[in-house]
Amino acid sequence: MLEEAGISNLSLLNLGGIPDIYVLFGGVRLILETKEQGQRAELISQLKNRLSHNMCEVAIGLEYPSSLVSSGLELPTTRVVRDRLRLTRLIAMCYSHGSTEERLVFGETHVTVASLPELLTRASSEALPYKELDVAINKVRQSVEKFASSLKGLHESKNIAGQIREVLELGE
């Protein structure tokens, strides 16, 4: 169903413990794991495990009601589950890397399959830990300020391309 929205499940056959769904979305590796409602502790543990093994930047858990796959005496067909899934409200939670441990990006959010692309967009945009992002922004800002101040004293005889390379290589 995600394929219909242009989101492809990538293969992770070379890794142990294959996740339910693995996608590269907006340059961010995301894993979606699903569990039946009532198995939240196992789901959260699985999400944190995926992050701690660096299998992804974002791990999203989806809980579904047991009615999705129950069907009396026989197992429901794929088509029946697919049709039910289109109408079912799932409970989503999302974790990403934090500075010291996994960080809860959002918890217990009700979603439908149709809203999953929007959920993936939100999760991928919030994937970077704020501390690391601030450090990176400050380094770039300092380099730009240093470069700008070095241009003030630039002599005509000095090659500007060489000056740019020097500033960018040294980062100071």
C-alpha atoms as a PDB file:
ATOM      1  CA  MET A   1       0.000   0.000   0.000  1.00  0.00           C
ATOM      2  CA  LEU A   2       2.961   2.313   0.589  1.00  0.00           C
ATOM      3  CA  GLU A   3       4.133   1.566  -2.952  1.00  0.00           C
ATOM      4  CA  GLU A   4       0.944   3.247  -4.193  1.00  0.00           C
ATOM      5  CA  ALA A   5       2.112   6.445  -2.444  1.00  0.00           C
ATOM      6  CA  GLY A   6       5.566   6.148  -4.047  1.00  0.00           C
ATOM      7  CA  ILE A   7       7.285   4.800  -0.912  1.00  0.00           C
ATOM      8  CA  SER A   8       9.278   1.647  -1.605  1.00  0.00           C
ATOM      9  CA  ASN A   9      10.241  -0.978   0.949  1.00  0.00           C
ATOM     10  CA  LEU A  10      13.984  -1.604   0.576  1.00  0.00           C
ATOM     11  CA  SER A  11      15.613  -4.964   1.118  1.00  0.00           C
ATOM     12  CA  LEU A  12      17.708  -5.595   4.217  1.00  0.00           C
ATOM     13  CA  LEU A  13      18.425  -9.253   3.643  1.00  0.00           C
ATOM     14  CA  ASN A  14      22.064  -8.838   4.677  1.00  0.00           C
ATOM     15  CA  LEU A  15      21.064  -7.754   8.206  1.00  0.00           C
ATOM     16  CA  GLY A  16      19.817 -10.003  10.971  1.00  0.00           C
ATOM     17  CA  GLY A  17      16.358  -9.373  12.357  1.00  0.00           C
ATOM     18  CA  ILE A  18      14.748  -7.933   9.254  1.00  0.00           C
ATOM     19  CA  PRO A  19      12.366  -5.038  10.032  1.00  0.00           C
ATOM     20  CA  ASP A  20       8.774  -5.060   8.807  1.00  0.00           C
ATOM     21  CA  ILE A  21       9.292  -2.060   6.518  1.00  0.00           C
ATOM     22  CA  TYR A  22      12.531  -0.222   5.680  1.00  0.00           C
ATOM     23  CA  VAL A  23      12.405   2.938   3.572  1.00  0.00           C
ATOM     24  CA  LEU A  24      14.715   5.732   2.554  1.00  0.00           C
ATOM     25  CA  PHE A  25      12.566   8.850   2.802  1.00  0.00           C
ATOM     26  CA  GLY A  26      13.962  12.327   2.192  1.00  0.00           C
ATOM     27  CA  GLY A  27      17.483  10.955   2.636  1.00  0.00           C
ATOM     28  CA  VAL A  28      16.607   9.539   6.074  1.00  0.00           C
ATOM     29  CA  ARG A  29      16.562   5.800   6.833  1.00  0.00           C
ATOM     30  CA  LEU A  30      13.222   4.892   8.448  1.00  0.00           C
ATOM     31  CA  ILE A  31      12.028   1.600   9.839  1.00  0.00           C
ATOM     32  CA  LEU A  32       8.366   0.855  10.480  1.00  0.00           C
ATOM     33  CA  GLU A  33       7.546  -1.988  12.840  1.00  0.00           C
ATOM     34  CA  THR A  34       4.043  -3.295  13.434  1.00  0.00           C
ATOM     35  CA  LYS A  35       2.570  -5.117  16.408  1.00  0.00           C
ATOM     36  CA  GLU A  36      -0.906  -6.009  17.529  1.00  0.00           C
ATOM     37  CA  GLN A  37      -2.331  -3.751  20.253  1.00  0.00           C
ATOM     38  CA  GLY A  38      -1.357  -5.017  23.675  1.00  0.00           C
ATOM     39  CA  GLN A  39       2.271  -5.591  22.642  1.00  0.00           C
ATOM     40  CA  ARG A  40       3.475  -2.003  23.127  1.00  0.00           C
ATOM     41  CA  ALA A  41       6.413  -2.867  25.403  1.00  0.00           C
ATOM     42  CA  GLU A  42       7.772  -5.298  22.812  1.00  0.00           C
ATOM     43  CA  LEU A  43       7.211  -2.745  20.039  1.00  0.00           C
ATOM     44  CA  ILE A  44       9.057   0.036  21.880  1.00  0.00           C
ATOM     45  CA  SER A  45      11.910  -2.345  22.693  1.00  0.00           C
ATOM     46  CA  GLN A  46      12.130  -3.347  19.034  1.00  0.00           C
ATOM     47  CA  LEU A  47      12.175   0.301  17.889  1.00  0.00           C
ATOM     48  CA  LYS A  48      14.954   1.207  20.328  1.00  0.00           C
ATOM     49  CA  ASN A  49      16.899  -1.890  19.301  1.00  0.00           C
ATOM     50  CA  ARG A  50      16.771  -0.852  15.616  1.00  0.00           C
ATOM     51  CA  LEU A  51      18.155   2.564  16.573  1.00  0.00           C
ATOM     52  CA  SER A  52      20.852   1.222  18.886  1.00  0.00           C
ATOM     53  CA  HIS A  53      22.095  -1.092  16.107  1.00  0.00           C
ATOM     54  CA  ASN A  54      22.194   1.944  13.765  1.00  0.00           C
ATOM     55  CA  MET A  55      19.816   0.333  11.289  1.00  0.00           C
ATOM     56  CA  CYS A  56      17.978   3.634  10.860  1.00  0.00           C
ATOM     57  CA  GLU A  57      17.755   7.269  11.940  1.00  0.00           C
ATOM     58  CA  VAL A  58      14.041   6.998  12.696  1.00  0.00           C
ATOM     59  CA  ALA A  59      12.030   4.049  14.011  1.00  0.00           C
ATOM     60  CA  ILE A  60       8.241   4.207  13.821  1.00  0.00           C
ATOM     61  CA  GLY A  61       5.974   1.768  15.595  1.00  0.00           C
ATOM     62  CA  LEU A  62       2.449   1.052  14.401  1.00  0.00           C
ATOM     63  CA  GLU A  63      -0.070  -0.764  16.596  1.00  0.00           C
ATOM     64  CA  TYR A  64      -3.058  -2.344  14.907  1.00  0.00           C
ATOM     65  CA  PRO A  65      -6.232  -3.798  16.443  1.00  0.00           C
ATOM     66  CA  SER A  66      -6.591  -7.578  16.564  1.00  0.00           C
ATOM     67  CA  SER A  67      -9.747  -7.257  14.472  1.00  0.00           C
ATOM     68  CA  LEU A  68      -7.537  -6.397  11.506  1.00  0.00           C
ATOM     69  CA  VAL A  69      -6.336  -9.989  11.139  1.00  0.00           C
ATOM     70  CA  SER A  70      -9.029 -11.990  12.920  1.00  0.00           C
ATOM     71  CA  SER A  71     -11.664 -13.692  10.840  1.00  0.00           C
ATOM     72  CA  GLY A  72     -13.399 -16.467  12.716  1.00  0.00           C
ATOM     73  CA  LEU A  73     -12.336 -19.950  11.675  1.00  0.00           C
ATOM     74  CA  GLU A  74      -9.995 -19.187   8.795  1.00  0.00           C
ATOM     75  CA  LEU A  75      -7.290 -16.647   8.202  1.00  0.00           C
ATOM     76  CA  PRO A  76      -8.395 -13.598   6.201  1.00  0.00           C
ATOM     77  CA  THR A  77      -7.024 -13.223   2.698  1.00  0.00           C
ATOM     78  CA  THR A  78      -4.500 -10.528   1.839  1.00  0.00           C
ATOM     79  CA  ARG A  79      -7.245  -8.634   0.048  1.00  0.00           C
ATOM     80  CA  VAL A  80      -9.493  -8.670   3.137  1.00  0.00           C
ATOM     81  CA  VAL A  81      -6.645  -7.438   5.366  1.00  0.00           C
ATOM     82  CA  ARG A  82      -5.803  -4.756   2.786  1.00  0.00           C
ATOM     83  CA  ASP A  83      -9.415  -3.530   2.674  1.00  0.00           C
ATOM     84  CA  ARG A  84      -9.640  -3.512   6.467  1.00  0.00           C
ATOM     85  CA  LEU A  85      -6.329  -1.692   6.737  1.00  0.00           C
ATOM     86  CA  ARG A  86      -7.601   1.154   4.570  1.00  0.00           C
ATOM     87  CA  LEU A  87     -10.360   1.770   7.145  1.00  0.00           C
ATOM     88  CA  THR A  88      -8.397   1.090  10.334  1.00  0.00           C
ATOM     89  CA  ARG A  89      -6.972   3.727  12.654  1.00  0.00           C
ATOM     90  CA  LEU A  90      -3.477   2.736  13.744  1.00  0.00           C
ATOM     91  CA  ILE A  91      -1.590   4.030  16.754  1.00  0.00           C
ATOM     92  CA  ALA A  92       1.836   5.382  15.786  1.00  0.00           C
ATOM     93  CA  MET A  93       4.862   6.314  17.874  1.00  0.00           C
ATOM     94  CA  CYS A  94       8.244   7.500  16.674  1.00  0.00           C
ATOM     95  CA  TYR A  95      11.780   7.407  18.079  1.00  0.00           C
ATOM     96  CA  SER A  96      15.057   8.794  16.742  1.00  0.00           C
ATOM     97  CA  HIS A  97      18.635   9.086  17.942  1.00  0.00           C
ATOM     98  CA  GLY A  98      19.164  11.464  20.850  1.00  0.00           C
ATOM     99  CA  SER A  99      22.430  12.797  22.191  1.00  0.00           C
ATOM    100  CA  THR A 100      22.708   9.978  24.764  1.00  0.00           C
ATOM    101  CA  GLU A 101      19.776   7.645  24.131  1.00  0.00           C
ATOM    102  CA  GLU A 102      16.767   7.181  21.902  1.00  0.00           C
ATOM    103  CA  ARG A 103      14.515  10.235  21.778  1.00  0.00           C
ATOM    104  CA  LEU A 104      10.722  10.085  21.552  1.00  0.00           C
ATOM    105  CA  VAL A 105       9.822  12.250  18.559  1.00  0.00           C
ATOM    106  CA  PHE A 106       6.085  11.731  19.013  1.00  0.00           C
ATOM    107  CA  GLY A 107       3.988   9.266  20.929  1.00  0.00           C
ATOM    108  CA  GLU A 108       0.553   7.744  20.518  1.00  0.00           C
ATOM    109  CA  THR A 109      -0.630   9.461  17.362  1.00  0.00           C
ATOM    110  CA  HIS A 110      -3.677   8.044  15.562  1.00  0.00           C
ATOM    111  CA  VAL A 111      -3.083   7.557  11.830  1.00  0.00           C
ATOM    112  CA  THR A 112      -4.528   5.807   8.825  1.00  0.00           C
ATOM    113  CA  VAL A 113      -2.621   4.171   5.997  1.00  0.00           C
ATOM    114  CA  ALA A 114      -3.535   7.142   3.794  1.00  0.00           C
ATOM    115  CA  SER A 115      -1.785   9.514   6.229  1.00  0.00           C
ATOM    116  CA  LEU A 116       1.451   7.496   6.462  1.00  0.00           C
ATOM    117  CA  PRO A 117       3.327   9.563   3.813  1.00  0.00           C
ATOM    118  CA  GLU A 118       2.613  12.696   5.870  1.00  0.00           C
ATOM    119  CA  LEU A 119       3.746  10.881   9.020  1.00  0.00           C
ATOM    120  CA  LEU A 120       6.997   9.814   7.330  1.00  0.00           C
ATOM    121  CA  THR A 121       7.609  13.402   6.199  1.00  0.00           C
ATOM    122  CA  ARG A 122       7.115  14.669   9.746  1.00  0.00           C
ATOM    123  CA  ALA A 123       9.320  11.956  11.247  1.00  0.00           C
ATOM    124  CA  SER A 124      12.162  12.422   8.745  1.00  0.00           C
ATOM    125  CA  SER A 125      12.184  16.188   9.240  1.00  0.00           C
ATOM    126  CA  GLU A 126      12.542  15.742  13.010  1.00  0.00           C
ATOM    127  CA  ALA A 127      15.198  13.045  12.806  1.00  0.00           C
ATOM    128  CA  LEU A 128      18.277  15.071  13.672  1.00  0.00           C
ATOM    129  CA  PRO A 129      18.908  15.552  17.369  1.00  0.00           C
ATOM    130  CA  TYR A 130      18.745  19.253  18.181  1.00  0.00           C
ATOM    131  CA  LYS A 131      22.094  19.326  20.003  1.00  0.00           C
ATOM    132  CA  GLU A 132      24.016  17.921  17.042  1.00  0.00           C
ATOM    133  CA  LEU A 133      22.154  20.187  14.630  1.00  0.00           C
ATOM    134  CA  ASP A 134      23.028  23.259  16.712  1.00  0.00           C
ATOM    135  CA  VAL A 135      26.716  22.244  16.763  1.00  0.00           C
ATOM    136  CA  ALA A 136      26.733  21.835  12.965  1.00  0.00           C
ATOM    137  CA  ILE A 137      24.980  25.170  12.408  1.00  0.00           C
ATOM    138  CA  ASN A 138      27.433  26.964  14.700  1.00  0.00           C
ATOM    139  CA  LYS A 139      30.441  25.451  12.879  1.00  0.00           C
ATOM    140  CA  VAL A 140      29.093  26.568   9.518  1.00  0.00           C
ATOM    141  CA  ARG A 141      28.315  30.033  10.894  1.00  0.00           C
ATOM    142  CA  GLN A 142      31.839  30.383  12.349  1.00  0.00           C
ATOM    143  CA  SER A 143      33.435  29.283   9.076  1.00  0.00           C
ATOM    144  CA  VAL A 144      31.380  31.768   7.078  1.00  0.00           C
ATOM    145  CA  GLU A 145      32.214  34.612   9.489  1.00  0.00           C
ATOM    146  CA  LYS A 146      35.918  33.718   9.358  1.00  0.00           C
ATOM    147  CA  PHE A 147      35.800  33.613   5.568  1.00  0.00           C
ATOM    148  CA  ALA A 148      34.010  36.958   5.359  1.00  0.00           C
ATOM    149  CA  SER A 149      36.506  38.616   7.695  1.00  0.00           C
ATOM    150  CA  SER A 150      39.450  37.163   5.755  1.00  0.00           C
ATOM    151  CA  LEU A 151      38.118  38.716   2.527  1.00  0.00           C
ATOM    152  CA  LYS A 152      38.384  42.193   4.069  1.00  0.00           C
ATOM    153  CA  GLY A 153      42.173  41.924   4.152  1.00  0.00           C
ATOM    154  CA  LEU A 154      42.536  40.241   0.778  1.00  0.00           C
ATOM    155  CA  HIS A 155      45.238  41.735  -1.429  1.00  0.00           C
ATOM    156  CA  GLU A 156      44.767  41.933  -5.171  1.00  0.00           C
ATOM    157  CA  SER A 157      47.813  39.766  -5.731  1.00  0.00           C
ATOM    158  CA  LYS A 158      46.341  36.861  -3.746  1.00  0.00           C
ATOM    159  CA  ASN A 159      44.226  34.315  -5.594  1.00  0.00           C
ATOM    160  CA  ILE A 160      40.621  34.379  -4.270  1.00  0.00           C
ATOM    161  CA  ALA A 161      40.095  30.690  -5.174  1.00  0.00           C
ATOM    162  CA  GLY A 162      43.128  29.790  -3.074  1.00  0.00           C
ATOM    163  CA  GLN A 163      41.767  31.859  -0.191  1.00  0.00           C
ATOM    164  CA  ILE A 164      38.390  30.110  -0.405  1.00  0.00           C
ATOM    165  CA  ARG A 165      40.032  26.676  -0.467  1.00  0.00           C
ATOM    166  CA  GLU A 166      42.248  27.564   2.488  1.00  0.00           C
ATOM    167  CA  VAL A 167      39.352  28.767   4.620  1.00  0.00           C
ATOM    168  CA  LEU A 168      37.169  25.788   3.770  1.00  0.00           C
ATOM    169  CA  GLU A 169      39.926  23.221   4.345  1.00  0.00           C
ATOM    170  CA  LEU A 170      41.016  24.664   7.660  1.00  0.00           C
ATOM    171  CA  GLY A 171      37.507  25.444   8.834  1.00  0.00           C
ATOM    172  CA  GLU A 172      38.934  28.221  10.995  1.00  0.00           C
END
